[in-house]
Each structure stands twice: as structure tokens, then as C-alpha cells.
N, C-alpha and C. Protein backbone atom coordinates (compact mmCIF):
# COMPACT_ATOMS: atom_id res chain seq x y z
N UNK A 1 105.24 83.22 84.42
CA UNK A 1 104.83 83.75 84.58
C UNK A 1 102.73 83.74 84.27
N UNK A 2 102.06 83.32 85.55
CA UNK A 2 101.01 83.08 85.37
C UNK A 2 100.34 83.18 84.95
N UNK A 3 98.49 83.91 84.24
CA UNK A 3 97.99 84.64 84.82
C UNK A 3 96.36 83.49 83.43
N UNK A 4 95.15 84.00 85.05
CA UNK A 4 94.03 83.34 85.14
C UNK A 4 92.81 84.17 83.45
N UNK A 5 92.70 83.70 82.58
CA UNK A 5 91.96 83.67 81.67
C UNK A 5 90.46 83.90 82.20
N UNK A 6 90.08 84.33 83.41
CA UNK A 6 88.67 84.40 84.20
C UNK A 6 88.71 85.54 84.23
N UNK A 7 88.19 86.12 83.39
CA UNK A 7 87.92 87.46 84.15
C UNK A 7 87.48 88.05 85.44
N UNK A 8 87.85 89.51 85.75
CA UNK A 8 87.50 89.83 87.63
C UNK A 8 87.44 91.32 87.27
N UNK A 9 85.99 91.84 87.80
CA UNK A 9 86.20 93.11 87.90
C UNK A 9 87.21 93.31 88.71
N UNK A 10 88.17 94.66 88.07
CA UNK A 10 88.58 95.73 89.86
C UNK A 10 88.23 95.56 90.62
N UNK A 11 87.01 95.75 90.08
CA UNK A 11 86.12 96.46 92.01
C UNK A 11 86.44 95.19 92.93
N UNK A 12 86.21 94.11 91.95
CA UNK A 12 85.70 92.13 93.37
C UNK A 12 87.65 92.45 93.64
N UNK A 13 87.75 92.37 93.31
CA UNK A 13 89.65 92.51 93.46
C UNK A 13 89.46 93.24 95.06
N UNK A 14 89.11 94.58 94.61
CA UNK A 14 89.67 96.41 95.61
C UNK A 14 88.51 95.73 97.15
N UNK A 15 86.90 95.17 96.99
CA UNK A 15 86.05 94.41 97.94
C UNK A 15 87.18 93.77 98.61
N UNK A 16 87.92 92.83 97.71
CA UNK A 16 87.82 91.41 98.63
C UNK A 16 89.59 92.18 99.77
N UNK A 17 90.37 93.49 99.36
CA UNK A 17 91.03 94.21 99.99
C UNK A 17 90.18 95.34 100.54
N UNK A 18 89.20 95.89 100.63
CA UNK A 18 89.29 96.82 101.63
C UNK A 18 88.73 97.46 102.34
N UNK A 19 88.99 96.75 103.37
CA UNK A 19 89.54 96.31 104.43
C UNK A 19 91.32 97.51 104.98
N UNK A 20 91.86 97.02 104.02
CA UNK A 20 93.43 97.55 104.31
C UNK A 20 93.06 98.90 103.86
N UNK A 21 92.67 99.58 103.44
CA UNK A 21 93.21 100.50 103.21
C UNK A 21 91.94 101.32 104.13
N UNK A 22 93.12 102.20 105.06
CA UNK A 22 92.83 104.07 106.01
C UNK A 22 92.41 104.46 105.76
N UNK A 23 91.18 105.31 105.26
CA UNK A 23 91.57 106.51 105.07
C UNK A 23 91.88 107.13 103.31
N UNK A 24 91.64 108.18 102.81
CA UNK A 24 91.48 109.12 102.28
C UNK A 24 92.76 109.13 101.36
N UNK A 25 94.46 109.25 100.70
CA UNK A 25 95.05 110.11 100.17
C UNK A 25 95.00 110.68 99.49
N UNK A 26 95.54 111.74 99.32
CA UNK A 26 95.37 112.86 98.44
C UNK A 26 95.85 112.56 97.88
N UNK A 27 95.33 112.82 95.50
CA UNK A 27 95.98 112.71 94.71
C UNK A 27 97.42 112.09 94.84
N UNK A 28 98.18 111.22 93.90
CA UNK A 28 99.95 111.21 94.40
C UNK A 28 100.06 110.44 92.56
N UNK A 29 99.24 110.55 92.32
CA UNK A 29 99.85 109.68 90.80
C UNK A 29 100.25 110.02 89.55
N UNK A 30 100.90 109.39 89.25
CA UNK A 30 101.34 110.91 88.04
C UNK A 30 101.44 109.65 86.47
N UNK A 31 100.88 110.85 85.20
CA UNK A 31 100.13 109.66 84.15
C UNK A 31 101.88 110.32 83.36
N UNK A 32 102.24 110.02 82.84
CA UNK A 32 102.77 110.08 81.93
C UNK A 32 102.09 109.55 79.82
N UNK A 33 102.06 110.23 79.17
CA UNK A 33 101.17 110.28 77.67
C UNK A 33 102.88 110.28 76.84
N UNK A 34 102.41 108.74 76.43
CA UNK A 34 103.68 108.99 74.70
C UNK A 34 102.95 109.07 73.74
N UNK A 35 103.19 109.65 73.12
CA UNK A 35 102.17 109.80 71.81
C UNK A 35 103.60 109.03 71.23
N UNK A 36 102.43 108.85 69.28
CA UNK A 36 103.83 108.17 68.36
C UNK A 36 104.50 109.03 68.16
N UNK A 37 104.21 110.50 67.65
CA UNK A 37 104.65 111.93 67.42
C UNK A 37 106.09 111.92 67.69
N UNK A 38 106.22 111.68 68.86
CA UNK A 38 107.56 111.84 69.89
C UNK A 38 107.06 113.60 70.82
N UNK A 39 105.27 113.41 71.48
CA UNK A 39 105.60 114.29 71.77
C UNK A 39 105.21 113.32 73.20
N UNK A 40 105.30 114.27 74.53
CA UNK A 40 105.26 113.14 76.22
C UNK A 40 103.83 114.70 76.88
N UNK A 41 102.52 114.13 77.31
CA UNK A 41 102.09 114.50 78.13
C UNK A 41 102.17 113.94 79.59
N UNK A 42 102.85 114.91 80.59
CA UNK A 42 102.69 114.25 82.12
C UNK A 42 101.57 115.27 82.44
N UNK A 43 101.16 114.15 83.61
CA UNK A 43 100.27 114.52 84.10
C UNK A 43 100.05 114.44 86.18
N UNK A 44 100.66 115.62 87.27
CA UNK A 44 101.15 115.12 88.17
C UNK A 44 99.67 115.32 88.72
N UNK A 45 99.67 114.67 90.48
CA UNK A 45 98.29 114.79 91.12
C UNK A 45 97.20 114.26 90.96
N UNK A 46 97.43 114.19 89.78
CA UNK A 46 96.63 111.65 89.26
C UNK A 46 95.59 111.76 90.35
N UNK A 47 94.17 111.65 90.39
CA UNK A 47 92.81 111.02 90.93
C UNK A 47 93.12 109.93 90.46
N UNK A 48 93.73 108.80 91.71
CA UNK A 48 93.24 107.24 91.33
C UNK A 48 91.31 107.15 92.32
N UNK A 49 90.95 106.14 91.71
CA UNK A 49 89.80 106.12 92.21
C UNK A 49 88.97 104.67 91.49
N UNK A 50 88.66 103.74 92.50
CA UNK A 50 88.30 102.15 92.14
C UNK A 50 86.32 102.14 93.27
N UNK A 51 85.80 102.12 91.10
CA UNK A 51 84.73 102.84 91.47
C UNK A 51 83.65 102.18 90.56
N UNK A 52 82.78 100.62 91.59
CA UNK A 52 82.18 99.76 90.40
C UNK A 52 81.88 99.45 89.68
N UNK A 53 83.75 98.65 89.42
CA UNK A 53 83.79 97.38 89.18
C UNK A 53 84.64 98.76 88.00
N UNK A 54 84.82 99.84 87.77
CA UNK A 54 85.88 100.52 87.15
C UNK A 54 87.24 100.88 87.82
N UNK A 55 88.17 101.82 87.34
CA UNK A 55 89.29 102.50 87.46
C UNK A 55 89.37 103.84 86.58
N UNK A 56 89.12 104.24 87.97
CA UNK A 56 89.14 106.42 87.70
C UNK A 56 90.67 106.92 87.79
N UNK A 57 90.82 107.48 86.84
CA UNK A 57 92.35 108.08 86.34
C UNK A 57 91.91 109.54 86.10
N UNK A 58 91.73 110.53 87.14
CA UNK A 58 91.81 111.54 86.49
C UNK A 58 92.37 112.95 86.72
N UNK A 59 92.57 113.77 86.03
CA UNK A 59 94.28 114.50 86.50
C UNK A 59 92.96 115.93 87.19
N UNK A 60 94.66 116.05 87.39
CA UNK A 60 94.47 117.50 89.45
C UNK A 60 93.53 118.59 88.24
N UNK A 61 92.33 118.83 87.51
CA UNK A 61 91.61 119.90 87.31
C UNK A 61 90.69 119.72 86.47
N UNK A 62 90.52 118.05 86.99
CA UNK A 62 89.12 117.75 86.44
C UNK A 62 89.01 117.43 85.19
N UNK A 63 89.84 117.84 84.25
CA UNK A 63 89.18 118.17 82.13
C UNK A 63 89.49 116.73 81.87
N UNK A 64 90.08 116.31 82.35
CA UNK A 64 90.24 114.66 81.99
C UNK A 64 90.29 113.37 82.89
N UNK A 65 89.13 112.43 82.24
CA UNK A 65 89.19 110.96 82.96
C UNK A 65 89.81 109.68 82.67
N UNK A 66 90.73 109.07 82.58
CA UNK A 66 91.17 107.81 81.72
C UNK A 66 89.64 106.79 82.94
N UNK A 67 88.70 105.91 82.26
CA UNK A 67 88.16 105.38 82.82
C UNK A 67 88.92 103.01 81.82
N UNK A 68 89.35 102.45 82.87
CA UNK A 68 89.43 101.55 82.20
C UNK A 68 87.95 100.31 83.25
N UNK A 69 87.67 99.89 82.52
CA UNK A 69 85.69 99.67 82.76
C UNK A 69 86.03 97.80 82.70
N UNK A 70 86.68 97.18 82.67
CA UNK A 70 87.50 96.00 82.13
C UNK A 70 88.78 95.16 81.97
N UNK A 71 88.81 94.54 83.07
CA UNK A 71 90.01 93.59 83.09
C UNK A 71 90.02 92.40 83.02
N UNK A 72 90.74 91.44 83.22
CA UNK A 72 91.13 90.24 83.18
C UNK A 72 91.95 89.83 84.46
N UNK A 73 92.10 89.68 85.43
CA UNK A 73 92.57 89.65 86.84
C UNK A 73 93.40 88.63 87.20
N UNK A 74 94.16 87.98 88.07
CA UNK A 74 94.98 86.55 88.70
C UNK A 74 96.01 88.22 90.09
N UNK A 75 96.19 87.15 91.26
CA UNK A 75 96.86 87.08 91.89
C UNK A 75 98.39 86.72 91.45
N UNK A 76 98.89 88.12 92.16
CA UNK A 76 101.02 87.18 92.04
C UNK A 76 101.26 87.33 93.39
N UNK A 77 101.32 85.92 93.87
CA UNK A 77 100.85 86.34 95.23
C UNK A 77 100.41 87.27 95.79
N UNK A 78 100.95 88.39 96.83
CA UNK A 78 99.58 89.81 97.06
C UNK A 78 100.09 90.52 96.24
N UNK A 79 100.39 90.85 95.01
CA UNK A 79 99.73 91.89 94.42
C UNK A 79 98.94 91.09 93.09
N UNK A 80 97.31 91.95 92.08
CA UNK A 80 96.42 91.58 91.37
C UNK A 80 96.66 92.55 90.50
N UNK A 81 97.12 91.69 89.73
CA UNK A 81 97.35 91.92 87.78
C UNK A 81 96.50 91.81 87.30
N UNK A 82 96.48 92.98 86.07
CA UNK A 82 94.98 93.19 85.25
C UNK A 82 95.03 93.12 84.00
N UNK A 83 94.97 92.96 83.21
CA UNK A 83 95.07 92.59 81.82
C UNK A 83 93.71 93.26 81.00
N UNK A 84 94.23 94.66 81.07
CA UNK A 84 92.90 96.08 80.65
C UNK A 84 92.65 95.70 79.44
N UNK A 85 91.24 95.18 78.91
CA UNK A 85 89.91 94.40 77.85
C UNK A 85 89.50 96.06 76.84
N UNK A 86 89.43 97.23 78.00
CA UNK A 86 88.88 98.23 77.42
C UNK A 86 88.86 99.35 78.32
N UNK A 87 89.00 100.44 77.96
CA UNK A 87 89.26 101.57 78.69
C UNK A 87 88.35 102.84 77.84
N UNK A 88 88.24 103.90 78.13
CA UNK A 88 87.80 104.97 77.61
C UNK A 88 89.24 106.49 77.77
N UNK A 89 88.44 107.61 77.39
CA UNK A 89 89.10 108.45 78.16
C UNK A 89 88.11 109.69 78.16
N UNK A 90 87.52 110.16 78.72
CA UNK A 90 86.03 111.00 78.71
C UNK A 90 86.43 112.74 79.38
N UNK A 91 86.41 113.27 78.48
CA UNK A 91 86.55 114.32 78.31
C UNK A 91 85.31 116.02 77.60
N UNK A 92 85.34 117.13 78.61
CA UNK A 92 83.90 117.42 78.01
C UNK A 92 82.94 117.19 77.83
N UNK A 93 82.29 115.49 78.65
CA UNK A 93 81.51 115.31 78.45
C UNK A 93 81.25 114.40 77.38
N UNK A 94 82.40 113.86 76.64
CA UNK A 94 82.38 112.98 75.43
C UNK A 94 83.19 112.37 75.74
N UNK A 95 82.97 110.41 75.11
CA UNK A 95 83.53 109.37 76.04
C UNK A 95 84.30 109.05 74.41
N UNK A 96 85.68 108.82 74.44
CA UNK A 96 86.21 107.73 73.47
C UNK A 96 86.70 107.10 73.73
N UNK A 97 86.60 105.60 73.26
CA UNK A 97 87.14 104.57 73.89
C UNK A 97 88.64 104.53 72.96
N UNK A 98 89.41 104.08 73.59
CA UNK A 98 90.62 103.61 73.57
C UNK A 98 90.78 102.43 72.99
N UNK A 99 91.80 102.23 71.99
CA UNK A 99 91.73 101.50 71.00
C UNK A 99 92.70 100.55 71.46
N UNK A 100 93.00 99.62 72.73
CA UNK A 100 94.05 99.50 73.12
C UNK A 100 94.25 98.15 72.28
N UNK A 101 95.69 98.56 72.05
CA UNK A 101 96.65 96.63 71.64
C UNK A 101 97.16 96.41 72.74
N UNK A 102 97.20 96.89 73.88
CA UNK A 102 97.87 95.56 74.91
C UNK A 102 97.99 96.98 75.92
N UNK A 103 97.94 95.86 77.29
CA UNK A 103 97.93 96.53 79.24
C UNK A 103 98.20 95.56 80.39
N UNK A 104 98.94 96.28 80.96
CA UNK A 104 99.05 95.80 82.34
C UNK A 104 98.53 96.67 84.00
N UNK A 105 98.18 96.52 84.55
CA UNK A 105 98.05 96.88 85.70
C UNK A 105 98.57 96.48 86.85
N UNK A 106 99.04 96.62 87.87
CA UNK A 106 99.41 96.30 89.41
C UNK A 106 99.14 96.84 90.65
N UNK A 107 98.18 95.77 91.27
CA UNK A 107 97.14 96.78 92.10
C UNK A 107 97.81 96.29 94.23
N UNK A 108 98.35 96.25 94.71
CA UNK A 108 98.88 96.61 95.69
C UNK A 108 97.81 96.63 97.20
N UNK A 109 97.29 96.51 97.22
CA UNK A 109 96.21 96.31 98.52
C UNK A 109 96.71 96.36 99.37
N UNK A 110 97.73 95.56 100.15
CA UNK A 110 98.29 95.61 101.39
C UNK A 110 98.99 97.02 101.96
N UNK A 111 99.46 96.75 103.52
CA UNK A 111 100.40 98.01 104.34
C UNK A 111 101.63 97.28 104.28
N UNK A 112 101.80 96.60 103.33
CA UNK A 112 103.68 96.55 102.94
C UNK A 112 104.25 97.15 101.32
N UNK A 113 104.93 97.12 100.46
CA UNK A 113 105.43 96.91 99.42
C UNK A 113 105.64 95.66 99.37
N UNK A 114 105.75 95.65 98.15
CA UNK A 114 105.60 93.99 97.35
C UNK A 114 105.92 93.70 95.95
N UNK A 115 107.13 92.72 95.93
CA UNK A 115 107.80 92.25 94.97
C UNK A 115 107.71 92.43 93.74
N UNK A 116 107.24 93.53 92.31
CA UNK A 116 106.83 92.42 91.70
C UNK A 116 107.50 91.32 90.94
N UNK A 117 106.61 90.29 90.69
CA UNK A 117 106.91 89.31 89.69
C UNK A 117 108.39 89.98 88.80
N UNK A 118 109.21 88.66 88.85
CA UNK A 118 110.39 88.53 87.70
C UNK A 118 111.17 90.05 88.25
N UNK A 119 111.62 90.25 88.79
CA UNK A 119 111.05 92.09 88.88
C UNK A 119 112.49 92.42 90.38
N UNK A 120 113.29 93.35 90.08
CA UNK A 120 114.20 93.29 91.87
C UNK A 120 113.32 95.29 92.23
N UNK A 121 112.10 95.51 91.81
CA UNK A 121 111.08 96.51 91.99
C UNK A 121 110.01 95.86 93.05
N UNK A 122 109.97 97.02 94.15
CA UNK A 122 108.76 97.18 94.27
C UNK A 122 107.83 97.42 94.70
N UNK A 123 105.99 97.31 94.42
CA UNK A 123 104.90 98.32 94.10
C UNK A 123 104.94 98.52 95.73
N UNK A 124 104.98 100.13 95.85
CA UNK A 124 103.97 100.71 97.04
C UNK A 124 102.89 99.87 98.09
N UNK A 125 103.35 100.13 98.77
CA UNK A 125 101.79 99.35 99.89
C UNK A 125 100.75 100.68 99.61
N UNK A 126 98.70 99.95 98.40
CA UNK A 126 98.14 100.53 98.51
C UNK A 126 98.39 101.95 96.87
N UNK A 127 99.10 100.62 95.87
CA UNK A 127 99.11 101.81 95.41
C UNK A 127 99.43 100.72 94.55
N UNK A 128 99.05 101.61 92.58
CA UNK A 128 99.28 101.03 91.37
C UNK A 128 100.28 101.26 90.24
N UNK A 129 100.48 100.01 88.92
CA UNK A 129 101.24 100.88 88.48
C UNK A 129 100.69 100.39 87.44
N UNK A 130 100.36 100.98 86.05
CA UNK A 130 99.98 101.26 85.01
C UNK A 130 100.21 101.12 84.16
N UNK A 131 99.92 100.49 82.27
CA UNK A 131 101.27 100.40 81.30
C UNK A 131 99.85 100.11 80.34
N UNK A 132 99.76 100.60 79.28
CA UNK A 132 98.72 101.09 78.30
C UNK A 132 99.40 100.80 77.30
N UNK A 133 99.26 100.26 75.99
CA UNK A 133 99.49 100.97 74.05
C UNK A 133 98.20 101.22 73.64
N UNK A 134 98.41 101.89 72.68
CA UNK A 134 96.94 101.76 72.27
C UNK A 134 97.43 101.17 70.77
N UNK A 135 96.48 101.25 69.77
CA UNK A 135 97.04 100.74 68.63
C UNK A 135 97.44 101.51 68.05
N UNK A 136 97.30 102.74 68.28
CA UNK A 136 97.81 103.50 67.18
C UNK A 136 99.78 104.43 68.01
N UNK A 137 99.72 103.01 68.84
CA UNK A 137 101.49 103.54 69.41
C UNK A 137 101.22 104.12 70.37
N UNK A 138 100.37 105.10 71.28
CA UNK A 138 100.40 105.73 72.30
C UNK A 138 100.53 104.77 73.67
N UNK A 139 101.89 105.21 74.52
CA UNK A 139 101.60 104.35 75.26
C UNK A 139 101.66 105.09 77.27
N UNK A 140 100.52 104.63 77.56
CA UNK A 140 100.15 105.46 78.68
C UNK A 140 100.67 104.73 80.08
N UNK A 141 101.22 105.92 80.69
CA UNK A 141 102.10 104.79 82.45
C UNK A 141 101.45 105.80 83.71
N UNK A 142 101.21 105.03 84.10
CA UNK A 142 100.85 106.22 85.68
C UNK A 142 101.45 104.42 86.79
N UNK A 143 102.40 105.88 87.66
CA UNK A 143 102.03 105.39 89.15
C UNK A 143 102.10 106.08 90.39
N UNK A 144 101.08 105.50 90.78
CA UNK A 144 100.96 106.40 91.93
C UNK A 144 99.86 105.02 93.37
N UNK A 145 99.53 106.08 94.62
CA UNK A 145 98.34 105.53 95.17
C UNK A 145 97.36 104.83 95.02
N UNK A 146 96.79 104.73 95.85
CA UNK A 146 95.08 104.62 95.52
C UNK A 146 94.53 105.54 96.29
N UNK A 147 94.07 106.45 95.72
CA UNK A 147 92.95 107.73 96.32
C UNK A 147 92.56 106.55 97.31
N UNK A 148 90.48 106.03 96.55
CA UNK A 148 89.95 105.73 97.02
C UNK A 148 88.50 104.61 95.64
N UNK A 149 88.11 103.78 96.66
CA UNK A 149 87.96 103.09 96.64
C UNK A 149 86.70 102.97 97.27
N UNK A 150 85.39 102.85 95.94
CA UNK A 150 83.81 103.10 96.44
C UNK A 150 83.12 101.32 96.79
N UNK A 151 82.67 100.78 96.87
CA UNK A 151 81.94 99.22 96.96
C UNK A 151 80.76 99.86 96.80
N UNK A 152 79.83 99.33 96.00
CA UNK A 152 78.47 99.35 95.73
C UNK A 152 77.96 97.94 95.63
């Protein structure tokens, strides 16, 4: 697998494929947060939006949003693969930076499921797969359909 180290904003990639998204879908994302102490928090019906160069993942009650603000992205076939470099958790009007150790985001803007590199798995049409690990050992995993891409 080869990835370009040239930065590319998530929204730039989204704009290139914006025409492939027809209408808005209901929130279908699921986030699982695995804490170092072994506890797991799961959130279903997560709203997934790409707006003004950032990825927003909002819980169904609106109480928390994870925002990925910077990533280095490239194409692997028809899948866009991003390595996030900056993210934050926004809750109760406060933004707290997530001290990222590593992470990967897979975006499929096509109308068909696409194979993931070096895997027998496929990523569904108009979907996202995200895995982040913080330096304190917390893992954040998301799988879902992209609800909205807002162009600016």
C-alpha cells in the first residue's frame, strides 16, 4: 500500500465526488469507543457529515461530536484513504483535542461497494470506515453511511 504524504483536505476529496451523493440519508453510523480500562461506549445513529474541510461525527442526542479537522489523503482505487493528524471532541460547548497516536479513514463516494486494499472486505457505497487510537490507549471505531457533504 502506498499513500501520498501530500495533505488533502477531506472536503476537497468530497467535492470531487459530490455528484455521487444523491439526497441525504438518515444517520446510520455506529461508533464504539474502547477505553484503556476495558470499558466500551457504543453510540448508534451517529450523524456523519463532511463540512468545510472537516469530518463531523455527532451522537444521536447531539451531546457530543468528534471532529477530524486535518488529514493526509490519497486514493486506493476508488476508495479515499486518509491519515488523520488532528481531531477533537466537542461536548457542552467545549472542545478538547484528541491526542492521536494513529488512525485511518476510508471513504467510498461511489454508487457501489468497493474492495478494501489487502482485504476480502468491501466498503459499502457512500460509506465511511474510521479507526483512531489516542496516545492514552483509547480506540475509536466508526462504520456508517455518509449523511451529508456540504460544499463551501
